[in-house]
C-alpha atoms as a PDB file:
ATOM      1  CA  MET A   1       0.000   0.000   0.000  1.00  0.00           C
ATOM      2  CA  HIS A   2       1.289   3.455  -0.917  1.00  0.00           C
ATOM      3  CA  THR A   3       2.439   6.295   1.309  1.00  0.00           C
ATOM      4  CA  ALA A   4       0.533   9.508   0.617  1.00  0.00           C
ATOM      5  CA  TYR A   5       2.407  12.746  -0.036  1.00  0.00           C
ATOM      6  CA  ILE A   6       0.131  15.697   0.662  1.00  0.00           C
ATOM      7  CA  THR A   7       0.887  19.296  -0.236  1.00  0.00           C
ATOM      8  CA  HIS A   8      -0.807  22.420  -1.643  1.00  0.00           C
ATOM      9  CA  PRO A   9       0.267  25.366  -3.858  1.00  0.00           C
ATOM     10  CA  SER A  10      -0.620  27.878  -1.131  1.00  0.00           C
ATOM     11  CA  TYR A  11       2.187  26.534   1.054  1.00  0.00           C
ATOM     12  CA  LEU A  12       4.681  28.105  -1.347  1.00  0.00           C
ATOM     13  CA  ARG A  13       2.906  31.477  -1.371  1.00  0.00           C
ATOM     14  CA  HIS A  14       3.111  31.929   2.408  1.00  0.00           C
ATOM     15  CA  ASP A  15       6.234  34.076   2.785  1.00  0.00           C
ATOM     16  CA  MET A  16       7.400  35.955   5.881  1.00  0.00           C
ATOM     17  CA  GLY A  17      10.258  37.762   4.162  1.00  0.00           C
ATOM     18  CA  ALA A  18      13.555  36.923   2.480  1.00  0.00           C
ATOM     19  CA  TRP A  19      15.352  36.988   5.845  1.00  0.00           C
ATOM     20  CA  HIS A  20      13.067  34.417   7.469  1.00  0.00           C
ATOM     21  CA  PRO A  21      14.360  30.822   7.866  1.00  0.00           C
ATOM     22  CA  GLU A  22      10.852  29.370   7.537  1.00  0.00           C
ATOM     23  CA  SER A  23      10.749  30.008   3.813  1.00  0.00           C
ATOM     24  CA  PRO A  24       9.062  28.536   0.729  1.00  0.00           C
ATOM     25  CA  GLN A  25      12.474  27.187  -0.259  1.00  0.00           C
ATOM     26  CA  ARG A  26      12.061  24.515   2.388  1.00  0.00           C
ATOM     27  CA  LEU A  27       9.371  22.747   0.391  1.00  0.00           C
ATOM     28  CA  ARG A  28      11.282  23.186  -2.856  1.00  0.00           C
ATOM     29  CA  ALA A  29      14.314  21.541  -1.223  1.00  0.00           C
ATOM     30  CA  ILE A  30      12.171  18.595  -0.120  1.00  0.00           C
ATOM     31  CA  ASP A  31      10.622  18.224  -3.559  1.00  0.00           C
ATOM     32  CA  ASP A  32      14.013  18.383  -5.266  1.00  0.00           C
ATOM     33  CA  ARG A  33      15.483  15.753  -2.966  1.00  0.00           C
ATOM     34  CA  LEU A  34      12.558  13.361  -3.353  1.00  0.00           C
ATOM     35  CA  HIS A  35      13.032  13.566  -7.114  1.00  0.00           C
ATOM     36  CA  ALA A  36      16.812  13.146  -6.874  1.00  0.00           C
ATOM     37  CA  ALA A  37      16.392  10.118  -4.612  1.00  0.00           C
ATOM     38  CA  HIS A  38      13.857   8.596  -7.075  1.00  0.00           C
ATOM     39  CA  LEU A  39      11.182   8.495  -4.366  1.00  0.00           C
ATOM     40  CA  PHE A  40       8.686  10.965  -5.805  1.00  0.00           C
ATOM     41  CA  ASP A  41       7.009   8.587  -8.242  1.00  0.00           C
ATOM     42  CA  PHE A  42       6.514   5.890  -5.598  1.00  0.00           C
ATOM     43  CA  LEU A  43       4.236   8.131  -3.502  1.00  0.00           C
ATOM     44  CA  ALA A  44       0.491   8.669  -3.792  1.00  0.00           C
ATOM     45  CA  HIS A  45       0.156  12.410  -4.421  1.00  0.00           C
ATOM     46  CA  HIS A  46      -2.743  14.400  -3.003  1.00  0.00           C
ATOM     47  CA  GLU A  47      -3.576  18.100  -2.878  1.00  0.00           C
ATOM     48  CA  ALA A  48      -4.528  19.158   0.625  1.00  0.00           C
ATOM     49  CA  ARG A  49      -8.028  20.356   1.376  1.00  0.00           C
ATOM     50  CA  ALA A  50      -8.777  23.289   3.649  1.00  0.00           C
ATOM     51  CA  ALA A  51      -9.668  22.561   7.238  1.00  0.00           C
ATOM     52  CA  THR A  52     -13.244  23.142   8.256  1.00  0.00           C
ATOM     53  CA  ARG A  53     -14.016  25.628  10.980  1.00  0.00           C
ATOM     54  CA  GLU A  54     -15.302  22.736  13.090  1.00  0.00           C
ATOM     55  CA  GLU A  55     -11.930  20.992  12.790  1.00  0.00           C
ATOM     56  CA  LEU A  56     -10.058  24.107  13.893  1.00  0.00           C
ATOM     57  CA  LEU A  57     -12.408  24.773  16.802  1.00  0.00           C
ATOM     58  CA  ARG A  58     -11.676  21.372  18.304  1.00  0.00           C
ATOM     59  CA  VAL A  59      -8.225  22.719  19.247  1.00  0.00           C
ATOM     60  CA  HIS A  60      -8.427  26.530  18.925  1.00  0.00           C
ATOM     61  CA  ASP A  61     -10.641  29.156  20.516  1.00  0.00           C
ATOM     62  CA  ALA A  62     -13.205  30.694  18.169  1.00  0.00           C
ATOM     63  CA  ALA A  63     -11.994  34.183  19.065  1.00  0.00           C
ATOM     64  CA  TYR A  64      -8.468  33.213  18.049  1.00  0.00           C
ATOM     65  CA  VAL A  65      -9.543  31.783  14.681  1.00  0.00           C
ATOM     66  CA  ASP A  66     -11.558  34.944  14.058  1.00  0.00           C
ATOM     67  CA  ALA A  67      -8.583  37.124  15.016  1.00  0.00           C
ATOM     68  CA  VAL A  68      -6.264  35.288  12.606  1.00  0.00           C
ATOM     69  CA  GLU A  69      -8.781  35.728   9.794  1.00  0.00           C
ATOM     70  CA  ALA A  70      -9.167  39.422  10.593  1.00  0.00           C
ATOM     71  CA  ALA A  71      -5.384  39.901  10.681  1.00  0.00           C
ATOM     72  CA  SER A  72      -4.860  38.648   7.127  1.00  0.00           C
ATOM     73  CA  PRO A  73      -3.368  41.589   5.199  1.00  0.00           C
ATOM     74  CA  ARG A  74      -4.312  42.654   1.698  1.00  0.00           C
ATOM     75  CA  GLU A  75      -0.667  43.504   1.055  1.00  0.00           C
ATOM     76  CA  GLY A  76       2.615  43.408   2.905  1.00  0.00           C
ATOM     77  CA  HIS A  77       2.956  41.603   6.217  1.00  0.00           C
ATOM     78  CA  HIS A  78       1.129  41.576   9.515  1.00  0.00           C
ATOM     79  CA  ALA A  79       3.034  40.319  12.591  1.00  0.00           C
ATOM     80  CA  LEU A  80       1.259  37.881  14.901  1.00  0.00           C
ATOM     81  CA  ASP A  81       4.305  37.600  17.147  1.00  0.00           C
ATOM     82  CA  PRO A  82       7.981  38.625  16.745  1.00  0.00           C
ATOM     83  CA  ASP A  83       8.753  35.458  14.751  1.00  0.00           C
ATOM     84  CA  THR A  84       5.462  34.855  12.963  1.00  0.00           C
ATOM     85  CA  SER A  85       3.771  37.000  10.344  1.00  0.00           C
ATOM     86  CA  MET A  86       1.129  36.779   7.642  1.00  0.00           C
ATOM     87  CA  ASN A  87       1.241  37.875   4.028  1.00  0.00           C
ATOM     88  CA  PRO A  88      -1.893  37.925   1.793  1.00  0.00           C
ATOM     89  CA  HIS A  89      -1.553  34.166   1.141  1.00  0.00           C
ATOM     90  CA  THR A  90      -0.813  32.963   4.670  1.00  0.00           C
ATOM     91  CA  LEU A  91      -4.402  32.449   5.742  1.00  0.00           C
ATOM     92  CA  GLU A  92      -5.084  30.088   2.839  1.00  0.00           C
ATOM     93  CA  ALA A  93      -1.858  28.201   3.565  1.00  0.00           C
ATOM     94  CA  ALA A  94      -2.671  27.879   7.272  1.00  0.00           C
ATOM     95  CA  TRP A  95      -6.166  26.549   6.572  1.00  0.00           C
ATOM     96  CA  HIS A  96      -4.730  24.029   4.114  1.00  0.00           C
ATOM     97  CA  ALA A  97      -1.893  23.004   6.434  1.00  0.00           C
ATOM     98  CA  ALA A  98      -4.409  22.062   9.117  1.00  0.00           C
ATOM     99  CA  GLY A  99      -6.722  20.551   6.516  1.00  0.00           C
ATOM    100  CA  GLY A 100      -3.921  18.532   4.970  1.00  0.00           C
ATOM    101  CA  ALA A 101      -3.195  16.958   8.346  1.00  0.00           C
ATOM    102  CA  ALA A 102      -6.863  16.055   8.869  1.00  0.00           C
ATOM    103  CA  MET A 103      -7.097  14.767   5.303  1.00  0.00           C
ATOM    104  CA  ALA A 104      -4.083  12.522   5.941  1.00  0.00           C
ATOM    105  CA  VAL A 105      -5.875  10.998   8.914  1.00  0.00           C
ATOM    106  CA  ASP A 106      -8.907  10.272   6.719  1.00  0.00           C
ATOM    107  CA  LEU A 107      -6.805   8.593   4.030  1.00  0.00           C
ATOM    108  CA  VAL A 108      -5.001   6.394   6.536  1.00  0.00           C
ATOM    109  CA  MET A 109      -8.084   5.550   8.586  1.00  0.00           C
ATOM    110  CA  ARG A 110     -10.038   4.591   5.438  1.00  0.00           C
ATOM    111  CA  GLY A 111      -7.212   2.258   4.446  1.00  0.00           C
ATOM    112  CA  GLU A 112      -6.521   4.082   1.189  1.00  0.00           C
ATOM    113  CA  VAL A 113      -2.851   4.437   2.179  1.00  0.00           C
ATOM    114  CA  ALA A 114      -0.760   2.890   4.935  1.00  0.00           C
ATOM    115  CA  SER A 115       0.901   6.143   5.911  1.00  0.00           C
ATOM    116  CA  ALA A 116       1.068   9.792   4.924  1.00  0.00           C
ATOM    117  CA  PHE A 117       3.524  12.677   4.952  1.00  0.00           C
ATOM    118  CA  VAL A 118       2.118  16.208   4.915  1.00  0.00           C
ATOM    119  CA  ALA A 119       4.647  18.644   3.425  1.00  0.00           C
ATOM    120  CA  CYS A 120       2.995  21.775   4.770  1.00  0.00           C
ATOM    121  CA  ARG A 121       3.693  25.331   5.790  1.00  0.00           C
ATOM    122  CA  PRO A 122       3.251  27.083   8.154  1.00  0.00           C
ATOM    123  CA  PRO A 123       4.255  24.522  10.786  1.00  0.00           C
ATOM    124  CA  GLY A 124       2.075  24.088  13.831  1.00  0.00           C
ATOM    125  CA  HIS A 125       3.360  22.557  17.058  1.00  0.00           C
ATOM    126  CA  HIS A 126       4.034  25.841  18.894  1.00  0.00           C
ATOM    127  CA  ALA A 127       0.532  27.230  18.274  1.00  0.00           C
ATOM    128  CA  THR A 128      -1.638  27.093  21.399  1.00  0.00           C
ATOM    129  CA  ARG A 129      -5.402  27.347  21.610  1.00  0.00           C
ATOM    130  CA  ASP A 130      -5.244  31.122  21.447  1.00  0.00           C
ATOM    131  CA  GLN A 131      -1.757  32.165  20.386  1.00  0.00           C
ATOM    132  CA  ALA A 132       0.457  32.042  17.300  1.00  0.00           C
ATOM    133  CA  MET A 133       4.161  31.671  18.005  1.00  0.00           C
ATOM    134  CA  GLY A 134       7.379  30.182  16.709  1.00  0.00           C
ATOM    135  CA  PHE A 135       6.411  30.373  13.005  1.00  0.00           C
ATOM    136  CA  CYS A 136       3.148  28.494  13.788  1.00  0.00           C
ATOM    137  CA  ILE A 137      -0.453  29.700  13.331  1.00  0.00           C
ATOM    138  CA  PHE A 138      -2.786  26.697  13.573  1.00  0.00           C
ATOM    139  CA  ASN A 139      -1.613  23.531  15.314  1.00  0.00           C
ATOM    140  CA  ASN A 140      -1.751  21.095  12.410  1.00  0.00           C
ATOM    141  CA  VAL A 141      -0.893  17.891  14.274  1.00  0.00           C
ATOM    142  CA  ALA A 142      -3.348  18.770  17.040  1.00  0.00           C
ATOM    143  CA  VAL A 143      -6.077  19.253  14.437  1.00  0.00           C
ATOM    144  CA  ALA A 144      -5.185  15.810  13.070  1.00  0.00           C
ATOM    145  CA  ALA A 145      -5.307  14.164  16.502  1.00  0.00           C
ATOM    146  CA  ALA A 146      -8.605  15.777  17.466  1.00  0.00           C
ATOM    147  CA  HIS A 147     -10.047  14.788  14.079  1.00  0.00           C
ATOM    148  CA  ALA A 148      -9.036  11.170  14.676  1.00  0.00           C
ATOM    149  CA  LEU A 149     -10.831  11.197  18.016  1.00  0.00           C
ATOM    150  CA  ALA A 150     -13.990  12.930  16.801  1.00  0.00           C
ATOM    151  CA  ALA A 151     -14.457  11.715  13.234  1.00  0.00           C
ATOM    152  CA  HIS A 152     -12.978   8.229  13.523  1.00  0.00           C
ATOM    153  CA  ARG A 153     -13.913   7.536  17.147  1.00  0.00           C
ATOM    154  CA  LEU A 154     -10.453   6.446  18.210  1.00  0.00           C
ATOM    155  CA  ALA A 155      -9.756   6.079  21.908  1.00  0.00           C
ATOM    156  CA  ARG A 156      -5.947   6.408  21.881  1.00  0.00           C
ATOM    157  CA  VAL A 157      -3.851   8.603  19.581  1.00  0.00           C
ATOM    158  CA  ALA A 158      -0.121   9.169  20.090  1.00  0.00           C
ATOM    159  CA  ILE A 159       1.938  12.093  18.820  1.00  0.00           C
ATOM    160  CA  VAL A 160       5.702  11.660  18.536  1.00  0.00           C
ATOM    161  CA  ASP A 161       7.294  15.107  18.255  1.00  0.00           C
ATOM    162  CA  PHE A 162      10.970  14.844  17.255  1.00  0.00           C
ATOM    163  CA  ASP A 163      11.454  18.501  16.347  1.00  0.00           C
ATOM    164  CA  VAL A 164      14.417  20.017  18.201  1.00  0.00           C
ATOM    165  CA  HIS A 165      12.019  22.469  19.898  1.00  0.00           C
ATOM    166  CA  HIS A 166       9.456  21.391  22.471  1.00  0.00           C
ATOM    167  CA  GLY A 167       5.903  20.988  21.163  1.00  0.00           C
ATOM    168  CA  ASN A 168       4.529  23.394  23.740  1.00  0.00           C
ATOM    169  CA  GLY A 169       1.356  24.227  21.827  1.00  0.00           C
ATOM    170  CA  THR A 170       0.451  20.574  21.402  1.00  0.00           C
ATOM    171  CA  GLU A 171       1.073  19.955  25.090  1.00  0.00           C
ATOM    172  CA  ALA A 172      -1.099  22.919  26.086  1.00  0.00           C
ATOM    173  CA  ILE A 173      -3.955  21.776  23.857  1.00  0.00           C
ATOM    174  CA  PHE A 174      -3.977  18.184  25.108  1.00  0.00           C
ATOM    175  CA  THR A 175      -2.839  18.597  28.716  1.00  0.00           C
ATOM    176  CA  ASP A 176      -6.287  17.548  29.955  1.00  0.00           C
ATOM    177  CA  GLU A 177      -7.001  15.004  27.194  1.00  0.00           C
ATOM    178  CA  PRO A 178      -5.729  11.550  28.246  1.00  0.00           C
ATOM    179  CA  ARG A 179      -6.830   9.991  24.954  1.00  0.00           C
ATOM    180  CA  VAL A 180      -3.847  11.758  23.342  1.00  0.00           C
ATOM    181  CA  MET A 181      -0.300  10.889  24.352  1.00  0.00           C
ATOM    182  CA  LEU A 182       2.381  13.407  23.388  1.00  0.00           C
ATOM    183  CA  CYS A 183       6.011  12.272  23.393  1.00  0.00           C
ATOM    184  CA  SER A 184       8.250  15.279  22.726  1.00  0.00           C
ATOM    185  CA  THR A 185      12.047  15.137  22.552  1.00  0.00           C
ATOM    186  CA  PHE A 186      13.747  18.534  22.482  1.00  0.00           C
ATOM    187  CA  GLN A 187      16.834  20.574  23.253  1.00  0.00           C
ATOM    188  CA  HIS A 188      16.699  22.159  26.713  1.00  0.00           C
ATOM    189  CA  PRO A 189      17.154  24.863  27.830  1.00  0.00           C
ATOM    190  CA  PHE A 190      16.043  26.318  24.511  1.00  0.00           C
ATOM    191  CA  TYR A 191      13.048  27.947  22.836  1.00  0.00           C
ATOM    192  CA  PRO A 192      10.184  27.856  23.861  1.00  0.00           C
ATOM    193  CA  HIS A 193      11.771  27.476  27.321  1.00  0.00           C
ATOM    194  CA  CYS A 194       9.254  25.036  28.806  1.00  0.00           C
ATOM    195  CA  GLY A 195       8.380  21.357  29.063  1.00  0.00           C
ATOM    196  CA  ALA A 196      11.168  20.100  31.306  1.00  0.00           C
ATOM    197  CA  ASP A 197       9.040  20.218  34.457  1.00  0.00           C
ATOM    198  CA  THR A 198       5.821  18.687  33.130  1.00  0.00           C
ATOM    199  CA  VAL A 199       4.367  15.917  35.294  1.00  0.00           C
ATOM    200  CA  SER A 200       1.730  13.890  33.470  1.00  0.00           C
ATOM    201  CA  THR A 201       0.801  10.327  32.655  1.00  0.00           C
ATOM    202  CA  HIS A 202       0.151  11.119  28.985  1.00  0.00           C
ATOM    203  CA  ILE A 203       2.596  13.976  28.268  1.00  0.00           C
ATOM    204  CA  VAL A 204       6.073  12.467  27.951  1.00  0.00           C
ATOM    205  CA  ASN A 205       8.688  15.201  27.647  1.00  0.00           C
ATOM    206  CA  VAL A 206      12.331  14.287  27.089  1.00  0.00           C
ATOM    207  CA  PRO A 207      14.568  17.370  27.462  1.00  0.00           C
ATOM    208  CA  LEU A 208      18.080  16.799  26.133  1.00  0.00           C
ATOM    209  CA  PRO A 209      21.171  19.029  26.272  1.00  0.00           C
ATOM    210  CA  ALA A 210      22.823  20.896  23.445  1.00  0.00           C
ATOM    211  CA  GLY A 211      25.358  18.661  21.769  1.00  0.00           C
ATOM    212  CA  THR A 212      23.167  15.552  21.944  1.00  0.00           C
ATOM    213  CA  THR A 213      24.504  13.045  19.404  1.00  0.00           C
ATOM    214  CA  GLY A 214      22.546  10.505  17.450  1.00  0.00           C
ATOM    215  CA  LEU A 215      23.651   7.722  19.814  1.00  0.00           C
ATOM    216  CA  ALA A 216      22.604   9.660  22.904  1.00  0.00           C
ATOM    217  CA  TYR A 217      19.294  10.558  21.271  1.00  0.00           C
ATOM    218  CA  ARG A 218      18.572   6.939  20.392  1.00  0.00           C
ATOM    219  CA  GLU A 219      19.352   5.824  23.943  1.00  0.00           C
ATOM    220  CA  ALA A 220      16.999   8.441  25.412  1.00  0.00           C
ATOM    221  CA  PHE A 221      14.245   7.632  22.905  1.00  0.00           C
ATOM    222  CA  SER A 222      14.546   3.910  23.599  1.00  0.00           C
ATOM    223  CA  ALA A 223      14.497   4.348  27.367  1.00  0.00           C
ATOM    224  CA  ARG A 224      11.931   7.111  27.790  1.00  0.00           C
ATOM    225  CA  VAL A 225       9.637   7.187  24.752  1.00  0.00           C
ATOM    226  CA  LEU A 226       9.224   3.646  23.446  1.00  0.00           C
ATOM    227  CA  PRO A 227       8.090   2.064  26.740  1.00  0.00           C
ATOM    228  CA  GLN A 228       5.447   4.774  27.171  1.00  0.00           C
ATOM    229  CA  LEU A 229       4.155   4.239  23.647  1.00  0.00           C
ATOM    230  CA  GLU A 230       4.007   0.487  24.181  1.00  0.00           C
ATOM    231  CA  ALA A 231       2.024   0.874  27.391  1.00  0.00           C
ATOM    232  CA  PHE A 232      -0.374   3.357  25.739  1.00  0.00           C
ATOM    233  CA  ARG A 233      -1.101   1.070  22.744  1.00  0.00           C
ATOM    234  CA  PRO A 234      -2.031   3.857  20.307  1.00  0.00           C
ATOM    235  CA  GLN A 235      -4.554   3.171  17.560  1.00  0.00           C
ATOM    236  CA  LEU A 236      -2.935   5.853  15.359  1.00  0.00           C
ATOM    237  CA  LEU A 237       0.567   7.320  15.376  1.00  0.00           C
ATOM    238  CA  LEU A 238       1.123  10.949  14.425  1.00  0.00           C
ATOM    239  CA  CYS A 239       4.551  12.547  13.985  1.00  0.00           C
ATOM    240  CA  SER A 240       5.400  16.189  14.472  1.00  0.00           C
ATOM    241  CA  ALA A 241       8.281  15.752  12.082  1.00  0.00           C
ATOM    242  CA  GLY A 242      10.906  18.410  12.685  1.00  0.00           C
ATOM    243  CA  PHE A 243      14.360  18.003  11.162  1.00  0.00           C
ATOM    244  CA  ASP A 244      16.093  20.967  12.802  1.00  0.00           C
ATOM    245  CA  GLY A 245      18.030  18.626  15.087  1.00  0.00           C
ATOM    246  CA  HIS A 246      20.306  17.781  12.152  1.00  0.00           C
ATOM    247  CA  ARG A 247      23.961  18.559  12.840  1.00  0.00           C
ATOM    248  CA  GLU A 248      24.093  20.862   9.782  1.00  0.00           C
ATOM    249  CA  ASP A 249      21.120  22.950  10.953  1.00  0.00           C
ATOM    250  CA  ASP A 250      22.321  25.990  12.875  1.00  0.00           C
ATOM    251  CA  MET A 251      18.873  26.657  14.335  1.00  0.00           C
ATOM    252  CA  ALA A 252      19.871  24.417  17.266  1.00  0.00           C
ATOM    253  CA  GLN A 253      22.745  22.332  18.595  1.00  0.00           C
ATOM    254  CA  PHE A 254      21.838  18.663  18.169  1.00  0.00           C
ATOM    255  CA  GLY A 255      24.000  16.243  16.198  1.00  0.00           C
ATOM    256  CA  LEU A 256      21.479  14.070  14.362  1.00  0.00           C
ATOM    257  CA  VAL A 257      21.970  12.850  10.787  1.00  0.00           C
ATOM    258  CA  GLU A 258      19.741  11.208   8.190  1.00  0.00           C
ATOM    259  CA  ALA A 259      20.304   7.727   9.619  1.00  0.00           C
ATOM    260  CA  ASP A 260      18.902   8.901  12.943  1.00  0.00           C
ATOM    261  CA  TYR A 261      15.691  10.083  11.299  1.00  0.00           C
ATOM    262  CA  THR A 262      15.427   6.729   9.550  1.00  0.00           C
ATOM    263  CA  TRP A 263      15.861   5.030  12.934  1.00  0.00           C
ATOM    264  CA  ILE A 264      13.210   7.204  14.628  1.00  0.00           C
ATOM    265  CA  THR A 265      10.797   6.453  11.796  1.00  0.00           C
ATOM    266  CA  GLU A 266      11.422   2.727  12.035  1.00  0.00           C
ATOM    267  CA  GLN A 267      10.792   2.749  15.793  1.00  0.00           C
ATOM    268  CA  VAL A 268       7.479   4.550  15.325  1.00  0.00           C
ATOM    269  CA  MET A 269       6.554   2.152  12.526  1.00  0.00           C
ATOM    270  CA  ASP A 270       7.243  -0.818  14.790  1.00  0.00           C
ATOM    271  CA  VAL A 271       4.852   0.570  17.409  1.00  0.00           C
ATOM    272  CA  ALA A 272       2.265   1.259  14.723  1.00  0.00           C
ATOM    273  CA  ALA A 273       2.596  -2.284  13.410  1.00  0.00           C
ATOM    274  CA  ARG A 274       1.902  -3.763  16.836  1.00  0.00           C
ATOM    275  CA  HIS A 275      -0.911  -1.492  17.960  1.00  0.00           C
ATOM    276  CA  ALA A 276      -2.236   0.751  15.158  1.00  0.00           C
ATOM    277  CA  GLU A 277      -2.609  -1.460  12.095  1.00  0.00           C
ATOM    278  CA  ARG A 278       0.501   0.304  10.722  1.00  0.00           C
ATOM    279  CA  ARG A 279      -1.316   3.660  10.550  1.00  0.00           C
ATOM    280  CA  ILE A 280       1.032   6.667  10.660  1.00  0.00           C
ATOM    281  CA  VAL A 281       0.551  10.313   9.699  1.00  0.00           C
ATOM    282  CA  SER A 282       3.617  12.549   9.659  1.00  0.00           C
ATOM    283  CA  VAL A 283       3.296  16.338   9.536  1.00  0.00           C
ATOM    284  CA  LEU A 284       6.228  18.617   8.719  1.00  0.00           C
ATOM    285  CA  GLU A 285       7.421  20.970  11.453  1.00  0.00           C
ATOM    286  CA  GLY A 286      10.941  22.468  11.478  1.00  0.00           C
ATOM    287  CA  GLY A 287      14.156  22.005   9.526  1.00  0.00           C
ATOM    288  CA  TYR A 288      15.949  25.058   8.136  1.00  0.00           C
ATOM    289  CA  ASP A 289      19.198  24.004   6.506  1.00  0.00           C
ATOM    290  CA  LEU A 290      17.836  23.287   3.053  1.00  0.00           C
ATOM    291  CA  SER A 291      20.188  20.499   2.070  1.00  0.00           C
ATOM    292  CA  ALA A 292      19.927  18.722   5.422  1.00  0.00           C
ATOM    293  CA  LEU A 293      16.151  19.146   5.414  1.00  0.00           C
ATOM    294  CA  GLY A 294      15.753  17.624   1.958  1.00  0.00           C
ATOM    295  CA  ARG A 295      17.994  14.664   2.755  1.00  0.00           C
ATOM    296  CA  SER A 296      16.357  14.061   6.147  1.00  0.00           C
ATOM    297  CA  VAL A 297      12.805  14.170   4.809  1.00  0.00           C
ATOM    298  CA  ALA A 298      13.804  11.801   2.008  1.00  0.00           C
ATOM    299  CA  ALA A 299      15.190   9.362   4.581  1.00  0.00           C
ATOM    300  CA  HIS A 300      12.012   9.683   6.672  1.00  0.00           C
ATOM    301  CA  VAL A 301       9.656   9.228   3.714  1.00  0.00           C
ATOM    302  CA  LYS A 302      11.695   6.340   2.317  1.00  0.00           C
ATOM    303  CA  ALA A 303      11.355   4.518   5.649  1.00  0.00           C
ATOM    304  CA  LEU A 304       7.632   5.340   5.892  1.00  0.00           C
ATOM    305  CA  ALA A 305       7.088   3.901   2.419  1.00  0.00           C
ATOM    306  CA  GLY A 306       9.187   0.824   3.099  1.00  0.00           C
ATOM    307  CA  LEU A 307      11.439   1.533   0.126  1.00  0.00           C
END
């Protein structure tokens, strides 16, 4: 069964300025690398749909959604926070990023594909119920998880967030929702400067120091994430797939390489095979060195597709 590759033209039109690391070039780098690695033609290609308002309101306050819509500029840029701004195309991209994640859940849950990768912008895991931050506007993976619970009546959904930054928005959204387990590995202390002190049975935070190598990361993941996932027995696995922990990415100070992202993917796939009928949805988060991002996503998608 194929792996779906979901994207949308609006993702390339969202642009926060030539200086901004979260740029349209990220998706072009991924596309180029998938072609160069001869993976592109093995994927089932889908154009993302827009999220419905109902889907957004499962994880965001109505006043916040209204405020984002009202902030959309007719020209130029409008800042939502110091790191996050909107141009005239951002609103469409944000709606389709969240919708693409929900659409991926539908495809996987209907058995049309075994897994899916959503190559979307803007990313989402820092967005809280009522606040944009860290390049994120709507929390795409949270929309996907809530959609799985509501539309597909799942009882246990797990999110594995391997971005180098803590998935603070996802944690805030699901802190009182035990049907969703969040496992977030991240550099600490580092932006967004939280997560290390969380005490919860279903929020599993793994803060790691700057300089963490692939070996150290794998040891921590094996000891602190995998047993929790096994005990939870998720019916669907979601990934907040950030690749900014790569050693060539100067956004942070981890030392991961492509083989580590392959390994992470394989571990998640093993859990999905035992508990979730192999169902995995992966949603793009960070990754800002273009070459490293393209190579890392290719390694991740190749493992997802079993190629």
